PDB file of N, CA and C in Angstrom:
ATOM      1  N   UNK A   1     -13.203  12.223  -3.027  1.00  0.00           N
ATOM      2  CA  UNK A   1     -12.469  11.177  -1.630  1.00  0.00           C
ATOM      3  C   UNK A   1     -10.761  11.312  -1.479  1.00  0.00           C
ATOM      4  N   UNK A   2     -11.443  11.849  -0.023  1.00  0.00           N
ATOM      5  CA  UNK A   2      -9.774  12.213   0.126  1.00  0.00           C
ATOM      6  C   UNK A   2      -8.492  11.601  -0.005  1.00  0.00           C
ATOM      7  N   UNK A   3      -7.614  12.295  -0.474  1.00  0.00           N
ATOM      8  CA  UNK A   3      -6.304  11.481  -0.829  1.00  0.00           C
ATOM      9  C   UNK A   3      -5.772  11.867   0.397  1.00  0.00           C
ATOM     10  N   UNK A   4      -4.139  10.640   0.779  1.00  0.00           N
ATOM     11  CA  UNK A   4      -3.575  10.282   1.694  1.00  0.00           C
ATOM     12  C   UNK A   4      -2.521  10.877   2.005  1.00  0.00           C
ATOM     13  N   UNK A   5      -1.903  11.098   2.224  1.00  0.00           N
ATOM     14  CA  UNK A   5      -0.112  11.110   2.245  1.00  0.00           C
ATOM     15  C   UNK A   5       0.659   9.810   2.021  1.00  0.00           C
ATOM     16  N   UNK A   6       1.853  10.033   1.132  1.00  0.00           N
ATOM     17  CA  UNK A   6       2.414   8.509   1.434  1.00  0.00           C
ATOM     18  C   UNK A   6       2.544   8.111   2.924  1.00  0.00           C
ATOM     19  N   UNK A   7       2.317   6.431   2.674  1.00  0.00           N
ATOM     20  CA  UNK A   7       2.537   5.842   3.904  1.00  0.00           C
ATOM     21  C   UNK A   7       3.300   5.105   3.178  1.00  0.00           C
ATOM     22  N   UNK A   8       4.132   4.105   4.151  1.00  0.00           N
ATOM     23  CA  UNK A   8       4.291   3.166   4.143  1.00  0.00           C
ATOM     24  C   UNK A   8       4.014   1.076   3.670  1.00  0.00           C
ATOM     25  N   UNK A   9       4.262   0.626   2.786  1.00  0.00           N
ATOM     26  CA  UNK A   9       3.461  -0.358   2.491  1.00  0.00           C
ATOM     27  C   UNK A   9       4.575  -1.527   2.646  1.00  0.00           C
ATOM     28  N   UNK A  10       5.747  -1.541   2.219  1.00  0.00           N
ATOM     29  CA  UNK A  10       6.780  -2.526   2.421  1.00  0.00           C
ATOM     30  C   UNK A  10       8.186  -1.935   2.733  1.00  0.00           C
ATOM     31  N   UNK A  11       8.350  -2.539   3.598  1.00  0.00           N
ATOM     32  CA  UNK A  11      10.041  -2.148   3.788  1.00  0.00           C
ATOM     33  C   UNK A  11      11.228  -3.534   3.007  1.00  0.00           C
ATOM     34  N   UNK A  12      12.366  -2.789   2.899  1.00  0.00           N
ATOM     35  CA  UNK A  12      13.031  -4.214   2.238  1.00  0.00           C
ATOM     36  C   UNK A  12      13.401  -5.344   3.670  1.00  0.00           C
ATOM     37  N   UNK A  13      13.847  -6.257   3.380  1.00  0.00           N
ATOM     38  CA  UNK A  13      13.833  -7.755   4.110  1.00  0.00           C
ATOM     39  C   UNK A  13      13.520  -8.432   4.673  1.00  0.00           C
ATOM     40  N   UNK A  14      14.135  -9.077   5.424  1.00  0.00           N
ATOM     41  CA  UNK A  14      12.872 -10.262   5.986  1.00  0.00           C
ATOM     42  C   UNK A  14      11.364 -10.077   6.226  1.00  0.00           C
ATOM     43  N   UNK A  15      10.925 -10.865   5.780  1.00  0.00           N
ATOM     44  CA  UNK A  15       9.819 -11.305   6.410  1.00  0.00           C
ATOM     45  C   UNK A  15       9.004 -11.619   7.354  1.00  0.00           C
ATOM     46  N   UNK A  16       7.881 -11.573   8.041  1.00  0.00           N
ATOM     47  CA  UNK A  16       7.822 -12.861   9.055  1.00  0.00           C
ATOM     48  C   UNK A  16       7.651 -14.357   8.600  1.00  0.00           C
ATOM     49  N   UNK A  17       7.035 -14.349   7.243  1.00  0.00           N
ATOM     50  CA  UNK A  17       6.998 -15.892   6.681  1.00  0.00           C
ATOM     51  C   UNK A  17       7.789 -16.078   6.086  1.00  0.00           C
ATOM     52  N   UNK A  18       8.989 -15.717   6.252  1.00  0.00           N
ATOM     53  CA  UNK A  18      10.269 -16.307   5.420  1.00  0.00           C
ATOM     54  C   UNK A  18      11.014 -15.499   4.341  1.00  0.00           C
ATOM     55  N   UNK A  19      10.137 -14.219   3.778  1.00  0.00           N
ATOM     56  CA  UNK A  19      10.286 -14.508   2.615  1.00  0.00           C
ATOM     57  C   UNK A  19      11.437 -12.841   2.578  1.00  0.00           C
ATOM     58  N   UNK A  20      12.042 -12.787   1.433  1.00  0.00           N
ATOM     59  CA  UNK A  20      12.678 -11.224   1.916  1.00  0.00           C
ATOM     60  C   UNK A  20      12.502 -10.524   0.362  1.00  0.00           C
ATOM     61  N   UNK A  21      12.416  -9.648   0.624  1.00  0.00           N
ATOM     62  CA  UNK A  21      11.855  -8.564  -0.458  1.00  0.00           C
ATOM     63  C   UNK A  21      12.731  -7.415  -0.833  1.00  0.00           C
ATOM     64  N   UNK A  22      13.102  -7.792  -1.827  1.00  0.00           N
ATOM     65  CA  UNK A  22      14.659  -6.916  -1.694  1.00  0.00           C
ATOM     66  C   UNK A  22      14.423  -5.640  -2.261  1.00  0.00           C
ATOM     67  N   UNK A  23      15.186  -4.308  -2.006  1.00  0.00           N
ATOM     68  CA  UNK A  23      15.772  -3.447  -2.542  1.00  0.00           C
ATOM     69  C   UNK A  23      15.035  -3.228  -4.122  1.00  0.00           C
ATOM     70  N   UNK A  24      15.484  -3.837  -4.940  1.00  0.00           N
ATOM     71  CA  UNK A  24      15.166  -4.000  -6.655  1.00  0.00           C
ATOM     72  C   UNK A  24      13.476  -4.288  -7.068  1.00  0.00           C
ATOM     73  N   UNK A  25      12.828  -5.238  -5.746  1.00  0.00           N
ATOM     74  CA  UNK A  25      11.560  -5.557  -6.430  1.00  0.00           C
ATOM     75  C   UNK A  25      10.634  -4.512  -5.202  1.00  0.00           C
ATOM     76  N   UNK A  26      11.130  -3.397  -4.216  1.00  0.00           N
ATOM     77  CA  UNK A  26      10.765  -2.233  -4.458  1.00  0.00           C
ATOM     78  C   UNK A  26      10.478  -1.616  -5.189  1.00  0.00           C
ATOM     79  N   UNK A  27      11.788  -1.084  -5.591  1.00  0.00           N
ATOM     80  CA  UNK A  27      11.713   0.078  -6.947  1.00  0.00           C
ATOM     81  C   UNK A  27      10.536  -0.711  -8.034  1.00  0.00           C
ATOM     82  N   UNK A  28      10.856  -2.229  -8.481  1.00  0.00           N
ATOM     83  CA  UNK A  28      10.899  -2.105  -9.518  1.00  0.00           C
ATOM     84  C   UNK A  28       8.091  -2.077  -9.547  1.00  0.00           C
ATOM     85  N   UNK A  29       8.251  -2.439  -8.357  1.00  0.00           N
ATOM     86  CA  UNK A  29       6.576  -1.977  -7.857  1.00  0.00           C
ATOM     87  C   UNK A  29       6.372  -0.779  -8.183  1.00  0.00           C
ATOM     88  N   UNK A  30       7.300   0.109  -7.543  1.00  0.00           N
ATOM     89  CA  UNK A  30       7.153   1.338  -7.661  1.00  0.00           C
ATOM     90  C   UNK A  30       7.499   2.020  -9.119  1.00  0.00           C
ATOM     91  N   UNK A  31       8.004   2.052 -10.226  1.00  0.00           N
ATOM     92  CA  UNK A  31       8.353   1.890 -11.360  1.00  0.00           C
ATOM     93  C   UNK A  31       7.270   1.481 -12.363  1.00  0.00           C
ATOM     94  N   UNK A  32       6.524   0.050 -11.435  1.00  0.00           N
ATOM     95  CA  UNK A  32       5.922  -0.109 -13.445  1.00  0.00           C
ATOM     96  C   UNK A  32       4.003  -0.536 -12.513  1.00  0.00           C
ATOM     97  N   UNK A  33       3.877   0.116 -11.566  1.00  0.00           N
ATOM     98  CA  UNK A  33       2.135  -0.081 -10.731  1.00  0.00           C
ATOM     99  C   UNK A  33       1.158   1.547 -11.482  1.00  0.00           C
ATOM    100  N   UNK A  34       0.616   1.221 -12.486  1.00  0.00           N
ATOM    101  CA  UNK A  34      -0.195   1.814 -13.230  1.00  0.00           C
ATOM    102  C   UNK A  34      -1.439   1.294 -12.783  1.00  0.00           C
ATOM    103  N   UNK A  35      -2.531   2.238 -12.331  1.00  0.00           N
ATOM    104  CA  UNK A  35      -3.814   2.587 -11.596  1.00  0.00           C
ATOM    105  C   UNK A  35      -4.753   1.781 -13.353  1.00  0.00           C
ATOM    106  N   UNK A  36      -4.337   2.181 -14.242  1.00  0.00           N
ATOM    107  CA  UNK A  36      -4.753   2.349 -15.216  1.00  0.00           C
ATOM    108  C   UNK A  36      -4.829   0.968 -15.938  1.00  0.00           C
ATOM    109  N   UNK A  37      -4.004  -0.414 -15.926  1.00  0.00           N
ATOM    110  CA  UNK A  37      -3.407  -1.164 -15.864  1.00  0.00           C
ATOM    111  C   UNK A  37      -3.867  -2.387 -14.798  1.00  0.00           C
ATOM    112  N   UNK A  38      -3.908  -2.232 -13.676  1.00  0.00           N
ATOM    113  CA  UNK A  38      -4.618  -2.872 -12.618  1.00  0.00           C
ATOM    114  C   UNK A  38      -4.312  -1.596 -11.214  1.00  0.00           C
ATOM    115  N   UNK A  39      -5.572  -1.570 -10.573  1.00  0.00           N
ATOM    116  CA  UNK A  39      -5.870  -0.808  -9.481  1.00  0.00           C
ATOM    117  C   UNK A  39      -5.998  -1.577  -8.509  1.00  0.00           C
ATOM    118  N   UNK A  40      -5.162  -1.643  -7.130  1.00  0.00           N
ATOM    119  CA  UNK A  40      -4.724  -1.973  -6.032  1.00  0.00           C
ATOM    120  C   UNK A  40      -6.202  -1.149  -5.048  1.00  0.00           C
ATOM    121  N   UNK A  41      -7.189  -2.078  -4.798  1.00  0.00           N
ATOM    122  CA  UNK A  41      -7.980  -1.855  -3.776  1.00  0.00           C
ATOM    123  C   UNK A  41      -8.183  -2.260  -2.427  1.00  0.00           C
ATOM    124  N   UNK A  42      -8.718  -0.954  -2.041  1.00  0.00           N
ATOM    125  CA  UNK A  42      -7.916  -0.910   0.100  1.00  0.00           C
ATOM    126  C   UNK A  42      -9.301  -2.116   0.299  1.00  0.00           C
ATOM    127  N   UNK A  43      -9.083  -2.837   1.059  1.00  0.00           N
ATOM    128  CA  UNK A  43      -9.913  -3.098   1.821  1.00  0.00           C
ATOM    129  C   UNK A  43      -9.411  -4.094   3.164  1.00  0.00           C
ATOM    130  N   UNK A  44     -10.426  -4.190   3.814  1.00  0.00           N
ATOM    131  CA  UNK A  44     -10.228  -4.917   5.473  1.00  0.00           C
ATOM    132  C   UNK A  44      -9.733  -6.466   5.263  1.00  0.00           C
ATOM    133  N   UNK A  45      -8.979  -6.509   5.832  1.00  0.00           N
ATOM    134  CA  UNK A  45      -8.489  -8.217   6.309  1.00  0.00           C
ATOM    135  C   UNK A  45      -8.576  -8.665   5.308  1.00  0.00           C
ATOM    136  N   UNK A  46      -8.364  -8.570   3.613  1.00  0.00           N
ATOM    137  CA  UNK A  46      -8.695  -9.336   2.741  1.00  0.00           C
ATOM    138  C   UNK A  46      -9.857  -9.728   2.344  1.00  0.00           C
ATOM    139  N   UNK A  47     -10.796  -9.237   2.579  1.00  0.00           N
ATOM    140  CA  UNK A  47     -11.819 -10.050   2.517  1.00  0.00           C
ATOM    141  C   UNK A  47     -12.787  -8.688   1.709  1.00  0.00           C
ATOM    142  N   UNK A  48     -13.829  -9.060   0.925  1.00  0.00           N
ATOM    143  CA  UNK A  48     -14.404  -7.901  -0.274  1.00  0.00           C
ATOM    144  C   UNK A  48     -16.084  -8.155  -0.387  1.00  0.00           C
ATOM    145  N   UNK A  49     -16.856  -7.667   0.698  1.00  0.00           N
ATOM    146  CA  UNK A  49     -17.908  -7.753   0.352  1.00  0.00           C
ATOM    147  C   UNK A  49     -18.631  -7.429  -1.106  1.00  0.00           C
ATOM    148  N   UNK A  50     -20.029  -7.676  -1.599  1.00  0.00           N
ATOM    149  CA  UNK A  50     -20.627  -7.061  -2.728  1.00  0.00           C
ATOM    150  C   UNK A  50     -21.587  -6.156  -1.954  1.00  0.00           C
ATOM    151  N   UNK A  51     -21.623  -6.030  -1.039  1.00  0.00           N
ATOM    152  CA  UNK A  51     -22.857  -5.122  -0.271  1.00  0.00           C
ATOM    153  C   UNK A  51     -22.098  -3.964   0.564  1.00  0.00           C
ATOM    154  N   UNK A  52     -22.774  -2.496  -0.843  1.00  0.00           N
ATOM    155  CA  UNK A  52     -21.981  -1.259   0.083  1.00  0.00           C
ATOM    156  C   UNK A  52     -21.769  -0.986   1.248  1.00  0.00           C
ATOM    157  N   UNK A  53     -22.649  -0.925   2.114  1.00  0.00           N
ATOM    158  CA  UNK A  53     -23.126  -0.764   3.466  1.00  0.00           C
ATOM    159  C   UNK A  53     -21.657  -1.999   4.217  1.00  0.00           C
ATOM    160  N   UNK A  54     -20.968  -2.867   3.924  1.00  0.00           N
ATOM    161  CA  UNK A  54     -20.812  -3.835   4.902  1.00  0.00           C
ATOM    162  C   UNK A  54     -19.677  -3.357   5.616  1.00  0.00           C
ATOM    163  N   UNK A  55     -18.891  -3.595   6.399  1.00  0.00           N
ATOM    164  CA  UNK A  55     -18.176  -3.560   6.783  1.00  0.00           C
ATOM    165  C   UNK A  55     -16.948  -3.720   5.628  1.00  0.00           C
ATOM    166  N   UNK A  56     -17.056  -4.961   5.311  1.00  0.00           N
ATOM    167  CA  UNK A  56     -15.794  -5.555   4.082  1.00  0.00           C
ATOM    168  C   UNK A  56     -15.291  -4.591   2.945  1.00  0.00           C
ATOM    169  N   UNK A  57     -16.284  -3.963   2.302  1.00  0.00           N
ATOM    170  CA  UNK A  57     -16.723  -3.258   1.033  1.00  0.00           C
ATOM    171  C   UNK A  57     -15.194  -2.473   0.818  1.00  0.00           C
ATOM    172  N   UNK A  58     -15.221  -1.938  -0.343  1.00  0.00           N
ATOM    173  CA  UNK A  58     -13.834  -1.426  -0.844  1.00  0.00           C
ATOM    174  C   UNK A  58     -13.922  -0.078   0.155  1.00  0.00           C
ATOM    175  N   UNK A  59     -12.932   0.091   0.941  1.00  0.00           N
ATOM    176  CA  UNK A  59     -12.376   1.505   0.927  1.00  0.00           C
ATOM    177  C   UNK A  59     -11.958   2.446   0.632  1.00  0.00           C
ATOM    178  N   UNK A  60     -11.615   2.102  -0.607  1.00  0.00           N
ATOM    179  CA  UNK A  60     -10.451   3.212  -1.904  1.00  0.00           C
ATOM    180  C   UNK A  60      -9.376   2.392  -2.854  1.00  0.00           C
ATOM    181  N   UNK A  61      -8.922   3.278  -3.531  1.00  0.00           N
ATOM    182  CA  UNK A  61      -7.899   2.821  -4.668  1.00  0.00           C
ATOM    183  C   UNK A  61      -6.599   3.223  -4.498  1.00  0.00           C
ATOM    184  N   UNK A  62      -5.689   2.179  -4.482  1.00  0.00           N
ATOM    185  CA  UNK A  62      -3.896   3.076  -4.920  1.00  0.00           C
ATOM    186  C   UNK A  62      -4.013   3.909  -6.072  1.00  0.00           C
ATOM    187  N   UNK A  63      -3.348   5.187  -5.468  1.00  0.00           N
ATOM    188  CA  UNK A  63      -3.480   5.817  -7.366  1.00  0.00           C
ATOM    189  C   UNK A  63      -2.068   6.050  -7.516  1.00  0.00           C
ATOM    190  N   UNK A  64      -1.000   5.420  -6.619  1.00  0.00           N
ATOM    191  CA  UNK A  64       0.647   6.104  -6.910  1.00  0.00           C
ATOM    192  C   UNK A  64       1.667   5.091  -6.158  1.00  0.00           C
ATOM    193  N   UNK A  65       2.071   4.257  -6.416  1.00  0.00           N
ATOM    194  CA  UNK A  65       3.494   3.996  -5.254  1.00  0.00           C
ATOM    195  C   UNK A  65       5.050   4.858  -5.416  1.00  0.00           C
ATOM    196  N   UNK A  66       5.825   4.941  -4.485  1.00  0.00           N
ATOM    197  CA  UNK A  66       6.883   5.551  -4.479  1.00  0.00           C
ATOM    198  C   UNK A  66       7.645   4.435  -3.531  1.00  0.00           C
ATOM    199  N   UNK A  67       8.884   6.014  -3.227  1.00  0.00           N
ATOM    200  CA  UNK A  67       9.696   4.932  -1.962  1.00  0.00           C
ATOM    201  C   UNK A  67      10.402   6.013  -1.872  1.00  0.00           C
ATOM    202  N   UNK A  68      10.850   5.481  -0.183  1.00  0.00           N
ATOM    203  CA  UNK A  68      11.549   6.624   0.662  1.00  0.00           C
ATOM    204  C   UNK A  68      12.979   5.847   0.960  1.00  0.00           C
ATOM    205  N   UNK A  69      14.000   6.298   1.721  1.00  0.00           N
ATOM    206  CA  UNK A  69      14.813   5.360   2.460  1.00  0.00           C
ATOM    207  C   UNK A  69      14.194   5.969   4.212  1.00  0.00           C
ATOM    208  N   UNK A  70      14.491   5.019   4.819  1.00  0.00           N
ATOM    209  CA  UNK A  70      14.185   5.125   6.149  1.00  0.00           C
ATOM    210  C   UNK A  70      15.433   4.931   7.166  1.00  0.00           C
ATOM    211  N   UNK A  71      15.536   4.505   8.208  1.00  0.00           N
ATOM    212  CA  UNK A  71      16.340   4.192   8.933  1.00  0.00           C
ATOM    213  C   UNK A  71      15.190   3.314   9.942  1.00  0.00           C
ATOM    214  N   UNK A  72      15.927   1.980  10.452  1.00  0.00           N
ATOM    215  CA  UNK A  72      15.110   1.095  11.323  1.00  0.00           C
ATOM    216  C   UNK A  72      16.357   0.347  12.050  1.00  0.00           C
ATOM    217  N   UNK A  73      16.513   0.691  13.419  1.00  0.00           N
ATOM    218  CA  UNK A  73      17.575   0.219  14.541  1.00  0.00           C
ATOM    219  C   UNK A  73      18.845   0.629  13.763  1.00  0.00           C
ATOM    220  N   UNK A  74      19.354   1.799  13.027  1.00  0.00           N
ATOM    221  CA  UNK A  74      20.169   2.585  12.736  1.00  0.00           C
ATOM    222  C   UNK A  74      20.715   2.083  11.429  1.00  0.00           C
ATOM    223  N   UNK A  75      20.279   1.122  10.805  1.00  0.00           N
ATOM    224  CA  UNK A  75      20.302   0.169   8.795  1.00  0.00           C
ATOM    225  C   UNK A  75      19.494   1.245   8.458  1.00  0.00           C
ATOM    226  N   UNK A  76      19.583   1.833   6.880  1.00  0.00           N
ATOM    227  CA  UNK A  76      18.843   2.421   6.083  1.00  0.00           C
ATOM    228  C   UNK A  76      18.335   0.882   5.624  1.00  0.00           C
ATOM    229  N   UNK A  77      16.732   1.217   5.305  1.00  0.00           N
ATOM    230  CA  UNK A  77      16.623  -0.076   4.286  1.00  0.00           C
ATOM    231  C   UNK A  77      15.274   1.587   2.741  1.00  0.00           C
ATOM    232  N   UNK A  78      14.917   0.761   1.853  1.00  0.00           N
ATOM    233  CA  UNK A  78      13.771   1.494   1.119  1.00  0.00           C
ATOM    234  C   UNK A  78      12.506   0.829   1.757  1.00  0.00           C
ATOM    235  N   UNK A  79      11.976   1.297   1.583  1.00  0.00           N
ATOM    236  CA  UNK A  79      10.141   1.454   1.566  1.00  0.00           C
ATOM    237  C   UNK A  79       9.667   2.133   0.400  1.00  0.00           C
ATOM    238  N   UNK A  80       8.814   0.639   0.101  1.00  0.00           N
ATOM    239  CA  UNK A  80       7.364   1.732  -1.107  1.00  0.00           C
ATOM    240  C   UNK A  80       6.266   1.968  -0.160  1.00  0.00           C
ATOM    241  N   UNK A  81       5.705   3.690  -0.742  1.00  0.00           N
ATOM    242  CA  UNK A  81       4.953   4.227  -0.164  1.00  0.00           C
ATOM    243  C   UNK A  81       4.050   3.684  -0.975  1.00  0.00           C
ATOM    244  N   UNK A  82       3.078   4.343  -0.508  1.00  0.00           N
ATOM    245  CA  UNK A  82       1.276   4.288  -1.641  1.00  0.00           C
ATOM    246  C   UNK A  82       0.196   5.658  -1.599  1.00  0.00           C
ATOM    247  N   UNK A  83      -0.201   6.110  -2.413  1.00  0.00           N
ATOM    248  CA  UNK A  83      -0.518   7.265  -1.795  1.00  0.00           C
ATOM    249  C   UNK A  83      -2.315   6.718  -2.597  1.00  0.00           C
ATOM    250  N   UNK A  84      -3.341   6.942  -1.311  1.00  0.00           N
ATOM    251  CA  UNK A  84      -4.367   6.509  -2.079  1.00  0.00           C
ATOM    252  C   UNK A  84      -5.793   7.335  -1.983  1.00  0.00           C
ATOM    253  N   UNK A  85      -6.882   7.165  -2.568  1.00  0.00           N
ATOM    254  CA  UNK A  85      -7.722   7.790  -2.494  1.00  0.00           C
ATOM    255  C   UNK A  85      -8.145   6.589  -1.712  1.00  0.00           C
ATOM    256  N   UNK A  86      -9.605   7.691  -0.404  1.00  0.00           N
ATOM    257  CA  UNK A  86      -9.775   6.578   0.493  1.00  0.00           C
ATOM    258  C   UNK A  86     -11.398   7.510   0.704  1.00  0.00           C
ATOM    259  N   UNK A  87     -12.090   6.190   1.027  1.00  0.00           N
ATOM    260  CA  UNK A  87     -13.512   7.316   1.001  1.00  0.00           C
ATOM    261  C   UNK A  87     -14.464   7.275   2.595  1.00  0.00           C
ATOM    262  N   UNK A  88     -15.185   8.336   2.864  1.00  0.00           N
ATOM    263  CA  UNK A  88     -15.305   8.575   3.835  1.00  0.00           C
ATOM    264  C   UNK A  88     -15.160   7.545   5.251  1.00  0.00           C
ATOM    265  N   UNK A  89     -15.481   6.255   5.499  1.00  0.00           N
ATOM    266  CA  UNK A  89     -15.856   5.494   6.209  1.00  0.00           C
ATOM    267  C   UNK A  89     -14.289   5.032   6.572  1.00  0.00           C
ATOM    268  N   UNK A  90     -12.953   4.998   5.643  1.00  0.00           N
ATOM    269  CA  UNK A  90     -12.225   4.996   6.123  1.00  0.00           C
ATOM    270  C   UNK A  90     -11.205   6.353   6.280  1.00  0.00           C
ATOM    271  N   UNK A  91     -11.802   7.104   5.922  1.00  0.00           N
ATOM    272  CA  UNK A  91     -11.030   8.465   6.956  1.00  0.00           C
ATOM    273  C   UNK A  91     -12.056   8.251   7.961  1.00  0.00           C
ATOM    274  N   UNK A  92     -12.905   7.830   8.211  1.00  0.00           N
ATOM    275  CA  UNK A  92     -13.070   7.946   9.549  1.00  0.00           C
ATOM    276  C   UNK A  92     -12.373   6.878  10.965  1.00  0.00           C
ATOM    277  N   UNK A  93     -11.599   5.717  10.061  1.00  0.00           N
ATOM    278  CA  UNK A  93     -11.012   4.351  10.806  1.00  0.00           C
ATOM    279  C   UNK A  93     -10.003   5.580  11.250  1.00  0.00           C
TER     280      UNK A  93
END
């Protein structure tokens, strides 16, 4: 399966549903992620089909998490980044 470049998953700060993602939470997620213990599966719209040819089948797996600093509206924020192995269908999307 093709491997992605690191992409942003979370950015520290308030969320649209009122939660606050802290810098420490992002660091903890990046440091503790172990795909051997729990593998994050990539799916579409939080649905997962049992049928292999469904548009709601798994599109790949997150293989690692990391962090990076980014600037948003003049302020520095920490982001959680992910690298994933994706299916051919995901690569087409």
